[in-house]
Amino acid sequence: MSIVTTTIKGQIVIPATIRKKFGLKQGSRVNIYEHNKKIIVEPVHQDPVAEGRGILKTKGRVLKRLVEERKMEAKR
């Protein structure tokens, strides 16, 4: 268990070991809520499909080929 101090603005620093464990990086979003008189900080996981967009760098070639194949199948 780590003890942290709040700043004048109410900010806290999440210890590095916990950030690494939960994959929190600069800009990561967290959900903060109260439950049974406790403050809960919970990572907001992004949509994996949205995160993966653009990693293949196909510039639309794969989509164009897929559309062409579908059109050819429809003609049969």
N, C-alpha and C. Protein backbone atom coordinates (compact mmCIF):
# COMPACT_ATOMS: atom_id res chain seq x y z
N MET A 1 0.85 -1.17 0.00
CA MET A 1 0.00 0.00 0.00
C MET A 1 0.89 1.23 0.00
N SER A 2 0.54 2.18 -0.85
CA SER A 2 1.29 3.43 -0.95
C SER A 2 0.46 4.57 -0.38
N ILE A 3 1.13 5.48 0.29
CA ILE A 3 0.47 6.69 0.78
C ILE A 3 0.95 7.85 -0.07
N VAL A 4 0.01 8.61 -0.62
CA VAL A 4 0.35 9.77 -1.44
C VAL A 4 -0.29 11.00 -0.83
N THR A 5 0.21 12.17 -1.23
CA THR A 5 -0.29 13.44 -0.71
C THR A 5 -0.99 14.19 -1.84
N THR A 6 -2.11 14.81 -1.53
CA THR A 6 -2.81 15.60 -2.54
C THR A 6 -2.16 16.98 -2.64
N THR A 7 -2.22 17.54 -3.84
CA THR A 7 -1.72 18.90 -4.04
C THR A 7 -2.81 19.89 -3.68
N ILE A 8 -2.50 21.17 -3.77
CA ILE A 8 -3.48 22.21 -3.49
C ILE A 8 -4.67 22.12 -4.44
N LYS A 9 -4.45 21.56 -5.66
CA LYS A 9 -5.52 21.39 -6.64
C LYS A 9 -6.25 20.06 -6.46
N GLY A 10 -5.86 19.27 -5.48
CA GLY A 10 -6.51 17.98 -5.26
C GLY A 10 -5.94 16.85 -6.11
N GLN A 11 -4.80 17.09 -6.74
CA GLN A 11 -4.18 16.08 -7.59
C GLN A 11 -3.36 15.10 -6.75
N ILE A 12 -3.25 13.86 -7.25
CA ILE A 12 -2.39 12.87 -6.63
C ILE A 12 -1.50 12.26 -7.70
N VAL A 13 -0.42 11.63 -7.29
CA VAL A 13 0.45 10.91 -8.21
C VAL A 13 0.25 9.42 -7.95
N ILE A 14 -0.11 8.69 -9.00
CA ILE A 14 -0.26 7.25 -8.87
C ILE A 14 1.15 6.65 -8.94
N PRO A 15 1.54 5.85 -7.95
CA PRO A 15 2.90 5.29 -7.93
C PRO A 15 3.23 4.52 -9.22
N ALA A 16 4.49 4.57 -9.63
CA ALA A 16 4.94 3.97 -10.89
C ALA A 16 4.62 2.49 -10.97
N THR A 17 4.76 1.76 -9.88
CA THR A 17 4.49 0.32 -9.92
C THR A 17 3.03 0.05 -10.28
N ILE A 18 2.14 0.86 -9.77
CA ILE A 18 0.71 0.68 -10.07
C ILE A 18 0.42 1.12 -11.50
N ARG A 19 1.04 2.24 -11.95
CA ARG A 19 0.84 2.68 -13.34
C ARG A 19 1.28 1.61 -14.31
N LYS A 20 2.43 0.98 -14.06
CA LYS A 20 2.94 -0.07 -14.94
C LYS A 20 2.01 -1.28 -14.92
N LYS A 21 1.56 -1.67 -13.74
CA LYS A 21 0.69 -2.84 -13.61
C LYS A 21 -0.59 -2.68 -14.41
N PHE A 22 -1.16 -1.47 -14.44
CA PHE A 22 -2.41 -1.23 -15.13
C PHE A 22 -2.24 -0.58 -16.49
N GLY A 23 -1.01 -0.40 -16.94
CA GLY A 23 -0.75 0.16 -18.27
C GLY A 23 -1.14 1.61 -18.41
N LEU A 24 -1.05 2.38 -17.33
CA LEU A 24 -1.39 3.80 -17.39
C LEU A 24 -0.21 4.60 -17.90
N LYS A 25 -0.46 5.42 -18.89
CA LYS A 25 0.58 6.28 -19.45
C LYS A 25 0.05 7.71 -19.47
N GLN A 26 0.89 8.64 -19.86
CA GLN A 26 0.43 10.03 -19.96
C GLN A 26 -0.77 10.10 -20.89
N GLY A 27 -1.82 10.73 -20.44
CA GLY A 27 -3.03 10.85 -21.24
C GLY A 27 -4.03 9.73 -21.03
N SER A 28 -3.65 8.69 -20.26
CA SER A 28 -4.60 7.60 -19.99
C SER A 28 -5.78 8.15 -19.21
N ARG A 29 -6.94 7.60 -19.48
CA ARG A 29 -8.15 8.06 -18.79
C ARG A 29 -8.49 7.11 -17.66
N VAL A 30 -8.97 7.67 -16.56
CA VAL A 30 -9.40 6.88 -15.42
C VAL A 30 -10.78 7.34 -14.98
N ASN A 31 -11.53 6.43 -14.42
CA ASN A 31 -12.84 6.74 -13.87
C ASN A 31 -12.68 6.83 -12.36
N ILE A 32 -13.16 7.91 -11.75
CA ILE A 32 -13.05 8.10 -10.31
C ILE A 32 -14.46 8.20 -9.74
N TYR A 33 -14.73 7.35 -8.75
CA TYR A 33 -16.04 7.39 -8.12
C TYR A 33 -15.93 6.97 -6.66
N GLU A 34 -16.99 7.23 -5.92
CA GLU A 34 -17.04 6.89 -4.50
C GLU A 34 -17.92 5.66 -4.32
N HIS A 35 -17.45 4.74 -3.48
CA HIS A 35 -18.22 3.52 -3.19
C HIS A 35 -17.93 3.10 -1.75
N ASN A 36 -18.96 3.01 -0.95
CA ASN A 36 -18.81 2.62 0.47
C ASN A 36 -17.77 3.47 1.20
N LYS A 37 -17.87 4.77 1.03
CA LYS A 37 -16.97 5.73 1.69
C LYS A 37 -15.50 5.56 1.28
N LYS A 38 -15.27 5.03 0.06
CA LYS A 38 -13.91 4.89 -0.48
C LYS A 38 -13.88 5.56 -1.84
N ILE A 39 -12.73 6.10 -2.20
CA ILE A 39 -12.53 6.68 -3.53
C ILE A 39 -11.92 5.60 -4.40
N ILE A 40 -12.58 5.28 -5.51
CA ILE A 40 -12.12 4.25 -6.42
C ILE A 40 -11.58 4.92 -7.68
N VAL A 41 -10.37 4.55 -8.07
CA VAL A 41 -9.75 5.03 -9.32
C VAL A 41 -9.62 3.81 -10.21
N GLU A 42 -10.30 3.84 -11.36
CA GLU A 42 -10.38 2.67 -12.22
C GLU A 42 -9.98 3.06 -13.65
N PRO A 43 -9.04 2.32 -14.27
CA PRO A 43 -8.66 2.64 -15.65
C PRO A 43 -9.84 2.48 -16.60
N VAL A 44 -9.93 3.39 -17.57
CA VAL A 44 -10.94 3.29 -18.62
C VAL A 44 -10.23 2.68 -19.81
N HIS A 45 -10.60 1.46 -20.14
CA HIS A 45 -9.96 0.77 -21.26
C HIS A 45 -10.56 1.24 -22.57
N GLN A 46 -9.70 1.55 -23.51
CA GLN A 46 -10.13 2.03 -24.81
C GLN A 46 -10.65 0.86 -25.64
N ASP A 47 -11.40 1.18 -26.67
CA ASP A 47 -11.91 0.19 -27.60
C ASP A 47 -10.73 -0.38 -28.39
N PRO A 48 -10.44 -1.69 -28.26
CA PRO A 48 -9.26 -2.26 -28.95
C PRO A 48 -9.34 -2.13 -30.47
N VAL A 49 -10.54 -2.14 -31.02
CA VAL A 49 -10.68 -1.99 -32.47
C VAL A 49 -10.27 -0.58 -32.89
N ALA A 50 -10.75 0.41 -32.15
CA ALA A 50 -10.40 1.80 -32.45
C ALA A 50 -8.91 2.04 -32.25
N GLU A 51 -8.32 1.44 -31.23
CA GLU A 51 -6.90 1.62 -30.98
C GLU A 51 -6.04 1.00 -32.08
N GLY A 52 -6.53 -0.07 -32.69
CA GLY A 52 -5.76 -0.78 -33.71
C GLY A 52 -5.87 -0.17 -35.09
N ARG A 53 -6.78 0.78 -35.27
CA ARG A 53 -6.94 1.37 -36.59
C ARG A 53 -5.66 2.05 -37.05
N GLY A 54 -5.30 1.75 -38.29
CA GLY A 54 -4.16 2.41 -38.90
C GLY A 54 -2.81 1.75 -38.64
N ILE A 55 -2.77 0.67 -37.84
CA ILE A 55 -1.46 0.07 -37.54
C ILE A 55 -0.89 -0.70 -38.72
N LEU A 56 -1.74 -1.12 -39.65
CA LEU A 56 -1.25 -1.90 -40.78
C LEU A 56 -0.71 -1.03 -41.92
N LYS A 57 -1.06 0.23 -41.94
CA LYS A 57 -0.58 1.18 -42.94
C LYS A 57 -0.82 0.69 -44.37
N THR A 58 -2.02 0.20 -44.65
CA THR A 58 -2.33 -0.30 -45.99
C THR A 58 -2.86 0.79 -46.91
N LYS A 59 -3.14 1.95 -46.37
CA LYS A 59 -3.66 3.09 -47.14
C LYS A 59 -4.91 2.72 -47.92
N GLY A 60 -5.74 1.84 -47.36
CA GLY A 60 -7.01 1.48 -47.98
C GLY A 60 -6.94 0.38 -49.02
N ARG A 61 -5.74 -0.13 -49.31
CA ARG A 61 -5.60 -1.16 -50.34
C ARG A 61 -6.36 -2.43 -49.98
N VAL A 62 -6.29 -2.84 -48.73
CA VAL A 62 -6.97 -4.06 -48.30
C VAL A 62 -8.48 -3.90 -48.44
N LEU A 63 -9.00 -2.76 -48.04
CA LEU A 63 -10.44 -2.52 -48.15
C LEU A 63 -10.87 -2.51 -49.61
N LYS A 64 -10.10 -1.84 -50.46
CA LYS A 64 -10.43 -1.79 -51.89
C LYS A 64 -10.45 -3.20 -52.49
N ARG A 65 -9.48 -4.01 -52.14
CA ARG A 65 -9.41 -5.38 -52.65
C ARG A 65 -10.60 -6.20 -52.15
N LEU A 66 -10.97 -6.02 -50.90
CA LEU A 66 -12.11 -6.74 -50.35
C LEU A 66 -13.39 -6.35 -51.07
N VAL A 67 -13.58 -5.07 -51.33
CA VAL A 67 -14.77 -4.60 -52.06
C VAL A 67 -14.78 -5.19 -53.46
N GLU A 68 -13.63 -5.22 -54.14
CA GLU A 68 -13.54 -5.79 -55.48
C GLU A 68 -13.93 -7.27 -55.47
N GLU A 69 -13.41 -8.00 -54.47
CA GLU A 69 -13.72 -9.43 -54.38
C GLU A 69 -15.21 -9.65 -54.13
N ARG A 70 -15.82 -8.82 -53.30
CA ARG A 70 -17.26 -8.95 -53.03
C ARG A 70 -18.07 -8.69 -54.30
N LYS A 71 -17.66 -7.69 -55.08
CA LYS A 71 -18.35 -7.40 -56.33
C LYS A 71 -18.23 -8.57 -57.30
N MET A 72 -17.05 -9.17 -57.39
CA MET A 72 -16.84 -10.32 -58.27
C MET A 72 -17.69 -11.51 -57.83
N GLU A 73 -17.79 -11.73 -56.52
CA GLU A 73 -18.62 -12.81 -56.00
C GLU A 73 -20.10 -12.57 -56.30
N ALA A 74 -20.53 -11.32 -56.23
CA ALA A 74 -21.92 -10.98 -56.48
C ALA A 74 -22.29 -11.22 -57.95
N LYS A 75 -21.34 -11.04 -58.85
CA LYS A 75 -21.60 -11.25 -60.28
C LYS A 75 -21.76 -12.72 -60.62
N ARG A 76 -21.19 -13.60 -59.83
CA ARG A 76 -21.25 -15.05 -60.12
C ARG A 76 -22.61 -15.59 -59.95
